[in-house]
Amino acid sequence: MNMEIKKEQLKYGYCEDCNCTPVIDEEEKNLYNEIICNCCGKVIITKGQLPKKEYIRIKKTWGYFSNKDGQVHTMNICEDCYDKWVATFVKKIDKKEATELV
């Protein structure tokens, strides 16, 4: 295996078995430096570590019909805060079981 590919896999947690090399933009590469929950401030992923906890990343580019026209908002929410957040929703989220976990 090419050592450069192996370094990238180790750095970003890519699959060594299939040698996948997904396209990741610079912003997403920076995610692996440290990820902190925007709600509670807990560190989700520490710099140089592979992800060991689940979280949701939301990125929204606001359009013409908002008070935030042209702004891009990005947030990371840990699983605990996500569970608390969605419990407050009036309309419950749609859930279904995944047939394959990737």
Protein backbone atom coordinates (compact mmCIF):
# COMPACT_ATOMS: atom_id res chain seq x y z
CA MET A 1 0.00 0.00 0.00
CA ASN A 2 1.25 3.48 -0.83
CA MET A 3 2.48 5.12 2.40
CA GLU A 4 0.86 8.46 1.54
CA ILE A 5 -2.53 6.77 1.23
CA LYS A 6 -1.97 4.89 4.49
CA LYS A 7 -1.13 8.18 6.30
CA GLU A 8 -4.32 9.77 4.97
CA GLN A 9 -6.36 6.75 6.05
CA LEU A 10 -4.93 6.86 9.55
CA LYS A 11 -5.36 10.62 9.79
CA TYR A 12 -8.98 10.65 8.67
CA GLY A 13 -10.10 7.13 9.56
CA TYR A 14 -10.55 5.82 6.03
CA CYS A 15 -11.12 2.15 5.48
CA GLU A 16 -7.83 0.32 4.98
CA ASP A 17 -9.56 -2.77 3.60
CA CYS A 18 -11.07 -1.19 0.51
CA ASN A 19 -8.56 1.68 0.25
CA CYS A 20 -11.39 4.19 -0.21
CA THR A 21 -10.35 7.79 -0.68
CA PRO A 22 -13.43 10.01 -0.43
CA VAL A 23 -13.28 13.60 -1.60
CA ILE A 24 -13.10 15.85 1.45
CA ASP A 25 -12.95 19.62 1.23
CA GLU A 26 -10.61 21.68 3.41
CA GLU A 27 -13.42 22.63 5.81
CA GLU A 28 -14.20 18.97 6.46
CA LYS A 29 -10.50 18.14 6.95
CA ASN A 30 -10.43 20.79 9.68
CA LEU A 31 -13.25 18.97 11.45
CA TYR A 32 -10.79 16.31 12.49
CA ASN A 33 -8.69 18.80 14.46
CA GLU A 34 -11.22 18.98 17.29
CA ILE A 35 -14.99 18.81 17.32
CA ILE A 36 -16.87 20.47 20.16
CA CYS A 37 -20.63 20.29 20.76
CA ASN A 38 -22.18 23.71 20.14
CA CYS A 39 -24.84 23.02 22.81
CA CYS A 40 -22.94 21.75 25.85
CA GLY A 41 -19.32 22.50 24.91
CA LYS A 42 -18.21 18.89 25.41
CA VAL A 43 -15.29 17.73 23.25
CA ILE A 44 -16.68 15.15 20.83
CA ILE A 45 -13.44 14.39 18.99
CA THR A 46 -9.97 15.28 20.20
CA LYS A 47 -7.27 16.41 17.76
CA GLY A 48 -5.53 13.46 16.14
CA GLN A 49 -8.09 10.92 17.35
CA LEU A 50 -10.46 8.85 15.25
CA PRO A 51 -14.16 9.56 15.91
CA LYS A 52 -15.37 7.42 18.83
CA LYS A 53 -18.66 9.18 19.46
CA GLU A 54 -21.59 9.94 17.20
CA TYR A 55 -22.67 13.50 16.50
CA ILE A 56 -24.68 15.43 13.93
CA ARG A 57 -23.19 18.21 11.82
CA ILE A 58 -25.62 20.77 10.44
CA LYS A 59 -24.61 23.27 7.79
CA LYS A 60 -27.15 25.80 6.51
CA THR A 61 -26.70 28.52 3.91
CA TRP A 62 -29.46 31.04 4.53
CA GLY A 63 -31.34 32.41 1.55
CA TYR A 64 -33.22 35.51 0.45
CA PHE A 65 -36.33 34.99 2.57
CA SER A 66 -34.55 34.95 5.93
CA ASN A 67 -33.08 37.54 8.25
CA LYS A 68 -29.71 35.81 7.77
CA ASP A 69 -29.49 36.19 3.98
CA GLY A 70 -26.13 34.93 2.69
CA GLN A 71 -24.88 33.66 6.05
CA VAL A 72 -23.58 30.09 6.42
CA HIS A 73 -24.16 28.53 9.83
CA THR A 74 -22.39 25.31 10.84
CA MET A 75 -22.85 23.42 14.09
CA ASN A 76 -21.91 20.11 15.67
CA ILE A 77 -24.29 18.54 18.18
CA CYS A 78 -23.33 15.55 20.37
CA GLU A 79 -25.73 12.62 20.62
CA ASP A 80 -26.84 13.50 24.18
CA CYS A 81 -27.75 17.08 23.22
CA TYR A 82 -29.42 15.84 20.03
CA ASP A 83 -31.66 13.52 22.07
CA LYS A 84 -32.63 16.37 24.43
CA TRP A 85 -33.23 18.72 21.48
CA VAL A 86 -35.48 16.44 19.44
CA ALA A 87 -37.49 15.56 22.57
CA THR A 88 -38.71 19.18 22.53
CA PHE A 89 -40.08 18.99 18.96
CA VAL A 90 -43.86 19.26 18.55
CA LYS A 91 -43.75 17.16 15.36
CA LYS A 92 -41.65 14.10 16.10
CA ILE A 93 -38.87 13.16 13.71
CA ASP A 94 -39.30 10.34 11.21
CA LYS A 95 -37.29 7.25 12.17
CA LYS A 96 -36.59 4.05 10.30
CA GLU A 97 -34.09 1.24 10.73
CA ALA A 98 -31.08 1.20 8.44
CA THR A 99 -30.57 -2.06 6.61
CA GLU A 100 -26.80 -1.52 6.32
CA LEU A 101 -24.48 0.43 8.57
CA VAL A 102 -21.53 1.97 6.77
